[in-house]
Every structure is written in C-alpha cells, then in structure tokens.
Amino acid sequence: MPLDTIYLTRHGHRLSWTIDFRTGTYKSQFPTPTGNPADPALTSHGVRQSHELAAHVTSPEFHPKPFRVYSSPFYRCLQTIQPSVEALKTKQNEFKSMEKSVGDHAQLDPAADFDVRIENGLGEWFGPTTFFDHPSHPTPDMMQTHFPSILPASPETKYTALLHPSTRGETIAQLHDRVATALEGIIADVDAEITALEAHLPQDQRTSKSILVCAHAAPLIAMGRVLTGNMPEDSSEEDFFVFTAGMSTFKRRVIRDRDQSRPLSLLADGTRFVRCEGVPAWEDGRGVGGGWTCVKNGDCTFLSDGAERGWHFNGDESFDTGAMAPPSEPPALASSSPAESVRSTSKL
C-alpha cells in the first residue's frame, strides 16, 4: 500500500535566544550544543515531553507505527524524537532476534527503517531580511556526532535533502510553498520505496504505511495547510494546533499522479534546490500528494501536562526596519525566534 498516514509532531519545550533586529545578531540564553545561537537544546521539561512522546508512539494502541522518520535539522527536533526512534529500533531488534511475526497491527513493519532523514525543507521559519543572514541550518554530519544512535554514519550518503531554505528568510507565502515542495518530494520518495518493496508481495501482505515528521511551530501549521489544501484568507487563523511535543495525524484521501509544478521562483531568493522540480499546486482543497484529511489535530492527551505553548501566525515577520533605526535607538530584542515569539501563549 502507498503511504497513507503522516504524523506531525513539534519539538518539546526548549531554551530560548534573543535577536537584535537592527543588526541581525543572535545570542543564546545558554551555550548551544552546535554553537549556533538559534539552535538550543530542550529544557528538562522538554526532555520529559520527549519520553512521553516515545511511550505514546511505541504503545500497542498507536497504529500504524512509523515506516520512515523525517526531521528538521535543528538540535531540538532531533533531541525530541531521539527517545521514540531509539525505542522503535529496540523493538525492531527484539522482533528480529525472536523471529517474531511482525504482521500484527501493534508491531513494526518488516521494512521499517528508523535512521532519521534530515530534511532542511522542514526547517525553522525566519522572516525576510535584506541586510543580514539568519543562522544556517546545522549540517547532517554535525548532527550525526550528537545523535549517532538515530542518524546513520555519513547521513548525506543515505538521504539527500530536497532543498535548503534561504538564509535571508521567507514571507509566510514562501514558507507555505517551501514546505509544500518538501512534503511533495518526501511523499513521492516514500511512495516509490513502498512500490519497490511490495512489487512482488500478494495484496494481503501489503501493510499500511506511515511516516513521522518532527519540525517547528510555523512550518507545522504550514504543513497542515498544504496537506489538506486549505489556506485560510487570514494566515493568523488558528486552524492547526502545534503544542510542544503534541501530535497531529493526517490520512491520505486519494492517490494521484503528480500535477504539473509551478515555478521554483515562488520560493525565497537564495533557496538552494537539490532534488526539486517545482512548487506543487496545493491550494483550493487539492493538497500535496493527493490531499490529506486531518483526523487528530494537536493531540496532547499522552502528555502529563497537556497542551502547552501554542502558537499562531500574526502577520509576516520582517527584519527590514532595523537597519533604518537611528544609531541612538537601543536594540530591539525578541525573546525567541520569529516562529516562537512573544506572541506565543505559555499554556493553552
């Protein structure tokens, strides 16, 4: 069976950073593992959320189990899914050593591969600027040194990212088209892998397939919209919920051939394309990959403290006013990243 389920989860509660909007200078509240001030680790509470997420994903009631796992390249996302991936790998090894049947719905797909695939197209959203560069995404090789248990050696030889976002940031529209391009490519990749794996299997041995994606608040809201094809007139509408370590589930509506793509020029200048042919037409209810229905929206029932740190768009983040500020004006500081700014609610 082609891919039929997508799980989206947001990273857990993290440490913060500041940015001087006049100069584009980022500073982290605490030293970050990668040295990138916009790449902090989780707080102790976020670590607890990551383990509660793992218990949920590996529970017998969670079905279908992930067949592939994708993540934003940032530390907090890989740290959030690390317990889940390690637990899934442990179960996989146990089943293999016991020569146990994996056909039961509570077990793992026999062809599951839990080495995380880092996709920069799923990375954080930074607002547009013309006078400085936002911090670059960490490289897969760097992250492999921090997460050797969930990333393969030389990860870029096993999975090549579809695209790399512009370091000059994006508008809200460009963000939506960027994640649409990434998801269209991911879905096409997984569909092709499943087709090859099941080519010689009888119909009754073909199983339901799912992927798990970990990313950030703004990209996840955009993912919900491009999967369903439903873009509200007001981008600040709270349609998809992205609480820390919460999970949304999407079921595929139809399988169809890929539509003719729109120009890549719809994406932000400076976006680097690796395996992309164009931006898919996803609006007006179409959705990428045939369209998807959201069956669980921001589920946090498995988290001991429930739904926390909800977020929604509140207009385009722009960094192009700071350079015009008079030298006598003190720096304008934000307590967090553009995608998790002071407009975030601490608990909903």
Protein backbone atom coordinates (compact mmCIF):
# COMPACT_ATOMS: atom_id res chain seq x y z
CA MET A 1 0.00 0.00 0.00
CA PRO A 2 1.31 3.51 -0.73
CA LEU A 3 1.93 5.89 2.15
CA ASP A 4 -1.41 6.52 3.87
CA THR A 5 -0.64 8.19 7.23
CA ILE A 6 1.51 11.17 8.24
CA TYR A 7 2.25 12.07 11.86
CA LEU A 8 3.44 15.61 12.57
CA THR A 9 5.00 16.48 15.92
CA ARG A 10 6.58 19.65 17.24
CA HIS A 11 9.79 19.68 19.26
CA GLY A 12 9.47 19.81 23.03
CA HIS A 13 9.87 22.85 25.28
CA ARG A 14 13.25 24.42 24.53
CA LEU A 15 15.69 27.04 25.77
CA SER A 16 15.47 30.49 24.17
CA TRP A 17 17.59 33.09 22.43
CA THR A 18 17.49 36.78 21.53
CA ILE A 19 18.00 38.74 18.33
CA ASP A 20 18.85 42.38 17.79
CA PHE A 21 16.52 43.33 14.93
CA ARG A 22 18.75 46.27 13.96
CA THR A 23 21.82 44.15 13.30
CA GLY A 24 20.54 40.59 12.98
CA THR A 25 22.79 39.47 15.82
CA TYR A 26 21.59 36.30 17.55
CA LYS A 27 22.53 35.43 21.13
CA SER A 28 21.58 32.29 23.03
CA GLN A 29 20.43 32.28 26.62
CA PHE A 30 22.74 29.34 27.32
CA PRO A 31 25.55 27.74 25.27
CA THR A 32 24.06 25.61 22.49
CA PRO A 33 25.34 22.11 21.60
CA THR A 34 26.13 23.10 18.00
CA GLY A 35 27.40 26.61 18.69
CA ASN A 36 24.51 28.08 16.68
CA PRO A 37 22.65 30.57 18.92
CA ALA A 38 19.35 29.75 17.17
CA ASP A 39 19.82 26.02 17.79
CA PRO A 40 19.18 25.48 21.52
CA ALA A 41 18.57 22.22 23.34
CA LEU A 42 15.39 21.21 25.15
CA THR A 43 14.72 22.18 28.73
CA SER A 44 14.34 19.40 31.32
CA HIS A 45 10.57 19.70 30.80
CA GLY A 46 11.06 19.28 27.05
CA VAL A 47 13.14 16.15 27.67
CA ARG A 48 10.30 14.73 29.77
CA GLN A 49 7.89 15.51 26.94
CA SER A 50 10.15 13.65 24.50
CA HIS A 51 9.98 10.50 26.63
CA GLU A 52 6.20 10.76 26.94
CA LEU A 53 6.03 11.08 23.16
CA ALA A 54 8.15 7.92 22.84
CA ALA A 55 5.85 5.98 25.18
CA HIS A 56 2.90 7.05 23.03
CA VAL A 57 4.49 6.14 19.69
CA THR A 58 5.58 2.70 20.92
CA SER A 59 2.32 1.85 22.68
CA PRO A 60 0.23 -1.02 21.21
CA GLU A 61 -2.63 1.40 20.51
CA PHE A 62 -0.52 3.59 18.22
CA HIS A 63 -1.07 2.30 14.70
CA PRO A 64 0.35 2.21 12.11
CA LYS A 65 3.84 2.54 13.52
CA PRO A 66 6.21 4.81 11.54
CA PHE A 67 7.79 3.30 8.45
CA ARG A 68 10.22 6.21 7.95
CA VAL A 69 11.20 9.18 10.16
CA TYR A 70 11.97 12.71 8.97
CA SER A 71 13.19 15.73 10.92
CA SER A 72 14.16 19.35 10.67
CA PRO A 73 17.95 19.62 11.00
CA PHE A 74 17.80 21.57 14.26
CA TYR A 75 19.02 20.05 17.53
CA ARG A 76 15.75 20.43 19.44
CA CYS A 77 13.84 18.40 16.85
CA LEU A 78 16.31 15.51 16.77
CA GLN A 79 16.51 15.58 20.57
CA THR A 80 12.71 15.38 20.77
CA ILE A 81 12.37 12.28 18.59
CA GLN A 82 15.52 10.55 19.81
CA PRO A 83 13.73 8.53 22.56
CA SER A 84 10.99 7.48 20.10
CA VAL A 85 13.45 6.36 17.43
CA GLU A 86 15.68 4.54 19.92
CA ALA A 87 12.66 2.72 21.37
CA LEU A 88 11.43 1.74 17.90
CA LYS A 89 14.89 0.44 17.00
CA THR A 90 14.99 -1.60 20.20
CA LYS A 91 11.63 -3.17 19.42
CA GLN A 92 12.75 -3.88 15.88
CA ASN A 93 15.86 -5.70 17.13
CA GLU A 94 13.81 -7.68 19.64
CA PHE A 95 11.39 -8.83 16.94
CA LYS A 96 14.25 -9.88 14.67
CA SER A 97 16.09 -11.79 17.37
CA MET A 98 12.92 -13.63 18.42
CA GLU A 99 11.99 -14.30 14.78
CA LYS A 100 8.59 -13.00 15.78
CA SER A 101 5.86 -12.28 13.27
CA VAL A 102 5.54 -8.55 12.60
CA GLY A 103 2.21 -8.78 10.86
CA ASP A 104 0.22 -7.81 13.93
CA HIS A 105 -1.02 -4.21 13.84
CA ALA A 106 0.74 -3.39 17.12
CA GLN A 107 4.11 -4.46 15.75
CA LEU A 108 6.52 -2.85 13.30
CA ASP A 109 6.55 -3.02 9.55
CA PRO A 110 9.21 -5.53 8.48
CA ALA A 111 10.69 -3.00 6.05
CA ALA A 112 10.76 -0.09 8.51
CA ASP A 113 13.97 1.97 8.54
CA PHE A 114 14.32 4.19 11.59
CA ASP A 115 17.51 6.06 10.70
CA VAL A 116 16.26 9.65 10.73
CA ARG A 117 16.27 11.51 7.43
CA ILE A 118 17.25 15.15 7.90
CA GLU A 119 15.30 17.39 5.53
CA ASN A 120 16.23 21.08 5.51
CA GLY A 121 12.98 21.83 3.69
CA LEU A 122 11.22 21.09 7.00
CA GLY A 123 13.42 23.52 8.95
CA GLU A 124 12.61 26.58 11.03
CA TRP A 125 10.95 29.70 9.61
CA PHE A 126 12.82 33.00 9.78
CA GLY A 127 11.24 36.21 8.48
CA PRO A 128 12.63 38.00 5.42
CA THR A 129 15.56 40.39 5.55
CA THR A 130 17.78 42.12 3.02
CA PHE A 131 20.68 43.18 5.22
CA PHE A 132 21.82 40.10 7.18
CA ASP A 133 21.78 36.31 7.08
CA HIS A 134 19.94 34.20 9.62
CA PRO A 135 21.94 31.38 11.23
CA SER A 136 22.47 28.49 8.84
CA HIS A 137 20.91 25.09 9.44
CA PRO A 138 23.22 22.56 11.16
CA THR A 139 24.69 20.02 8.74
CA PRO A 140 23.71 16.31 8.90
CA ASP A 141 27.34 15.34 9.55
CA MET A 142 27.49 17.71 12.53
CA MET A 143 24.22 16.37 13.92
CA GLN A 144 25.42 12.78 13.50
CA THR A 145 28.11 13.46 16.09
CA HIS A 146 25.39 14.48 18.55
CA PHE A 147 22.86 11.78 17.66
CA PRO A 148 24.79 8.68 16.48
CA SER A 149 22.05 6.35 17.74
CA ILE A 150 19.40 7.73 15.37
CA LEU A 151 21.46 9.05 12.44
CA PRO A 152 23.49 6.80 10.12
CA ALA A 153 27.19 7.32 9.59
CA SER A 154 27.69 9.84 6.77
CA PRO A 155 23.94 10.63 6.75
CA GLU A 156 24.04 12.62 3.49
CA THR A 157 25.11 9.49 1.60
CA LYS A 158 21.91 7.74 2.71
CA TYR A 159 19.47 10.64 2.27
CA THR A 160 19.88 13.84 0.25
CA ALA A 161 17.77 16.81 1.31
CA LEU A 162 15.33 18.12 -1.29
CA LEU A 163 16.16 21.79 -0.73
CA HIS A 164 17.85 24.29 1.58
CA PRO A 165 15.87 27.39 2.68
CA SER A 166 17.25 30.85 2.04
CA THR A 167 19.33 32.34 4.85
CA ARG A 168 17.64 35.68 4.08
CA GLY A 169 14.34 34.32 5.39
CA GLU A 170 10.90 33.93 3.83
CA THR A 171 7.47 35.50 3.73
CA ILE A 172 4.54 33.45 5.02
CA ALA A 173 3.54 32.57 1.44
CA GLN A 174 7.09 31.45 0.63
CA LEU A 175 7.18 29.31 3.78
CA HIS A 176 3.99 27.50 2.75
CA ASP A 177 5.32 26.84 -0.75
CA ARG A 178 8.65 25.68 0.67
CA VAL A 179 7.10 23.05 2.95
CA ALA A 180 4.71 22.03 0.13
CA THR A 181 7.73 21.40 -2.10
CA ALA A 182 9.48 19.38 0.63
CA LEU A 183 6.41 17.30 1.52
CA GLU A 184 5.59 16.58 -2.12
CA GLY A 185 9.12 15.25 -2.57
CA ILE A 186 9.06 13.23 0.65
CA ILE A 187 5.72 11.63 -0.22
CA ALA A 188 6.95 10.79 -3.74
CA ASP A 189 10.16 9.26 -2.32
CA VAL A 190 8.30 7.07 0.19
CA ASP A 191 5.66 6.02 -2.34
CA ALA A 192 8.43 4.87 -4.69
CA GLU A 193 10.18 2.94 -1.91
CA ILE A 194 6.94 1.20 -0.91
CA THR A 195 6.13 0.32 -4.51
CA ALA A 196 9.55 -1.30 -4.93
CA LEU A 197 9.31 -3.19 -1.63
CA GLU A 198 5.81 -4.53 -2.27
CA ALA A 199 6.11 -5.18 -6.00
CA HIS A 200 6.19 -8.95 -5.54
CA LEU A 201 4.04 -9.24 -2.41
CA PRO A 202 0.46 -10.52 -2.61
CA GLN A 203 -2.20 -7.96 -1.73
CA ASP A 204 -2.92 -9.47 1.70
CA GLN A 205 0.70 -8.98 2.78
CA ARG A 206 0.83 -5.28 1.94
CA THR A 207 0.58 -3.19 5.08
CA SER A 208 -0.50 0.32 6.00
CA LYS A 209 2.47 2.71 5.92
CA SER A 210 3.15 5.92 7.86
CA ILE A 211 5.89 8.48 8.39
CA LEU A 212 6.76 10.58 11.43
CA VAL A 213 7.89 14.19 10.92
CA CYS A 214 9.34 16.45 13.65
CA ALA A 215 9.58 20.17 13.00
CA HIS A 216 8.72 23.64 14.34
CA ALA A 217 5.56 25.63 15.02
CA ALA A 218 5.28 27.79 11.89
CA PRO A 219 6.36 25.09 9.39
CA LEU A 220 3.97 22.60 11.03
CA ILE A 221 1.00 24.93 10.64
CA ALA A 222 2.01 25.39 7.01
CA MET A 223 2.30 21.60 6.62
CA GLY A 224 -1.24 21.11 7.85
CA ARG A 225 -2.46 23.59 5.27
CA VAL A 226 -0.52 22.19 2.32
CA LEU A 227 -1.51 18.61 3.18
CA THR A 228 -5.21 19.45 3.34
CA GLY A 229 -5.02 22.13 0.66
CA ASN A 230 -6.88 24.57 2.91
CA MET A 231 -5.26 28.01 3.20
CA PRO A 232 -7.34 30.48 5.25
CA GLU A 233 -7.78 34.02 3.97
CA ASP A 234 -6.18 35.24 7.20
CA SER A 235 -2.92 33.40 7.87
CA SER A 236 -3.28 34.09 11.61
CA GLU A 237 -6.35 31.85 11.83
CA GLU A 238 -5.78 29.10 14.38
CA ASP A 239 -6.60 26.08 12.22
CA PHE A 240 -3.82 23.61 13.09
CA PHE A 241 -2.58 23.29 16.68
CA VAL A 242 1.15 22.97 17.29
CA PHE A 243 1.71 22.48 21.01
CA THR A 244 5.15 21.35 22.17
CA ALA A 245 5.55 17.58 21.61
CA GLY A 246 1.90 17.34 20.54
CA MET A 247 0.97 15.26 17.52
CA SER A 248 -1.35 15.69 14.53
CA THR A 249 -2.38 12.80 12.30
CA PHE A 250 -3.25 13.02 8.60
CA LYS A 251 -4.85 10.30 6.46
CA ARG A 252 -4.48 10.25 2.70
CA ARG A 253 -7.57 10.96 0.61
CA VAL A 254 -6.58 9.76 -2.87
CA ILE A 255 -3.52 8.60 -4.79
CA ARG A 256 -2.96 10.55 -7.98
CA ASP A 257 -0.25 11.42 -10.41
CA ARG A 258 1.77 14.49 -9.61
CA ASP A 259 0.34 17.68 -11.08
CA GLN A 260 2.38 20.00 -13.22
CA SER A 261 4.53 22.03 -10.85
CA ARG A 262 4.66 25.78 -10.58
CA PRO A 263 7.94 27.70 -10.89
CA LEU A 264 10.57 27.36 -8.19
CA SER A 265 10.84 31.15 -8.31
CA LEU A 266 7.84 31.22 -5.93
CA LEU A 267 10.30 30.34 -3.17
CA ALA A 268 12.55 32.87 -1.45
CA ASP A 269 15.63 34.15 -3.25
CA GLY A 270 18.63 32.20 -2.07
CA THR A 271 16.73 28.93 -1.63
CA ARG A 272 19.01 26.15 -2.86
CA PHE A 273 17.28 23.39 -4.82
CA VAL A 274 18.75 19.90 -4.77
CA ARG A 275 16.02 17.47 -5.83
CA CYS A 276 13.08 19.77 -6.61
CA GLU A 277 11.37 20.27 -9.95
CA GLY A 278 8.86 22.91 -8.92
CA VAL A 279 6.32 24.00 -6.31
CA PRO A 280 3.23 21.75 -6.31
CA ALA A 281 -0.24 23.21 -6.79
CA TRP A 282 -1.73 22.54 -3.34
CA GLU A 283 -4.34 25.26 -2.71
CA ASP A 284 -8.15 25.15 -3.09
CA GLY A 285 -8.50 21.86 -1.25
CA ARG A 286 -6.13 19.95 -3.52
CA GLY A 287 -3.29 19.23 -1.09
CA VAL A 288 0.09 17.69 -1.85
CA GLY A 289 0.38 14.02 -2.75
CA GLY A 290 -3.33 13.65 -3.49
CA GLY A 291 -4.58 15.52 -0.44
CA TRP A 292 -4.91 14.54 3.22
CA THR A 293 -7.54 14.75 5.98
CA CYS A 294 -6.56 15.80 9.50
CA VAL A 295 -8.03 13.17 11.85
CA LYS A 296 -6.21 14.32 15.02
CA ASN A 297 -5.28 17.97 15.47
CA GLY A 298 -2.63 18.76 18.06
CA ASP A 299 -3.28 15.71 20.25
CA CYS A 300 -1.62 16.10 23.68
CA THR A 301 -3.58 13.52 25.66
CA PHE A 302 -0.40 11.48 26.19
CA LEU A 303 1.50 14.41 27.76
CA SER A 304 1.29 14.70 31.55
CA ASP A 305 0.92 18.50 31.44
CA GLY A 306 -1.32 18.51 28.37
CA ALA A 307 -1.25 21.22 25.72
CA GLU A 308 1.45 23.86 26.16
CA ARG A 309 2.98 26.77 24.26
CA GLY A 310 0.50 27.04 21.41
CA TRP A 311 1.45 29.37 18.56
CA HIS A 312 -0.12 31.04 15.56
CA PHE A 313 0.91 33.45 12.81
CA ASN A 314 0.37 37.14 13.46
CA GLY A 315 1.46 38.77 10.22
CA ASP A 316 4.73 38.49 8.34
CA GLU A 317 7.87 38.79 10.42
CA SER A 318 10.04 41.42 8.78
CA PHE A 319 13.58 42.36 9.75
CA ASP A 320 13.94 45.20 7.26
CA THR A 321 13.09 48.05 9.64
CA GLY A 322 16.04 47.62 11.99
CA ALA A 323 18.68 48.85 9.58
CA MET A 324 16.85 52.18 9.26
CA ALA A 325 16.71 52.79 13.01
CA PRO A 326 18.78 55.77 14.23
CA PRO A 327 22.07 54.85 15.95
CA SER A 328 20.81 56.37 19.21
CA GLU A 329 17.90 53.91 19.38
CA PRO A 330 18.51 50.94 21.68
CA PRO A 331 18.45 47.48 20.10
CA ALA A 332 15.04 45.89 19.65
CA LEU A 333 15.25 42.44 21.17
CA ALA A 334 12.97 39.45 20.79
CA SER A 335 12.80 36.79 23.49
CA SER A 336 12.65 33.98 20.99
CA SER A 337 12.79 33.05 17.33
CA PRO A 338 10.38 34.50 14.74
CA ALA A 339 8.44 31.26 14.79
CA GLU A 340 8.14 31.17 18.58
CA SER A 341 7.99 34.84 19.51
CA VAL A 342 6.48 36.69 22.43
CA ARG A 343 3.05 36.20 20.85
CA SER A 344 3.25 32.54 21.87
CA THR A 345 0.94 31.50 24.68
CA SER A 346 2.66 29.76 27.55
CA LYS A 347 -0.16 27.24 28.00
CA LEU A 348 -3.48 26.69 26.24
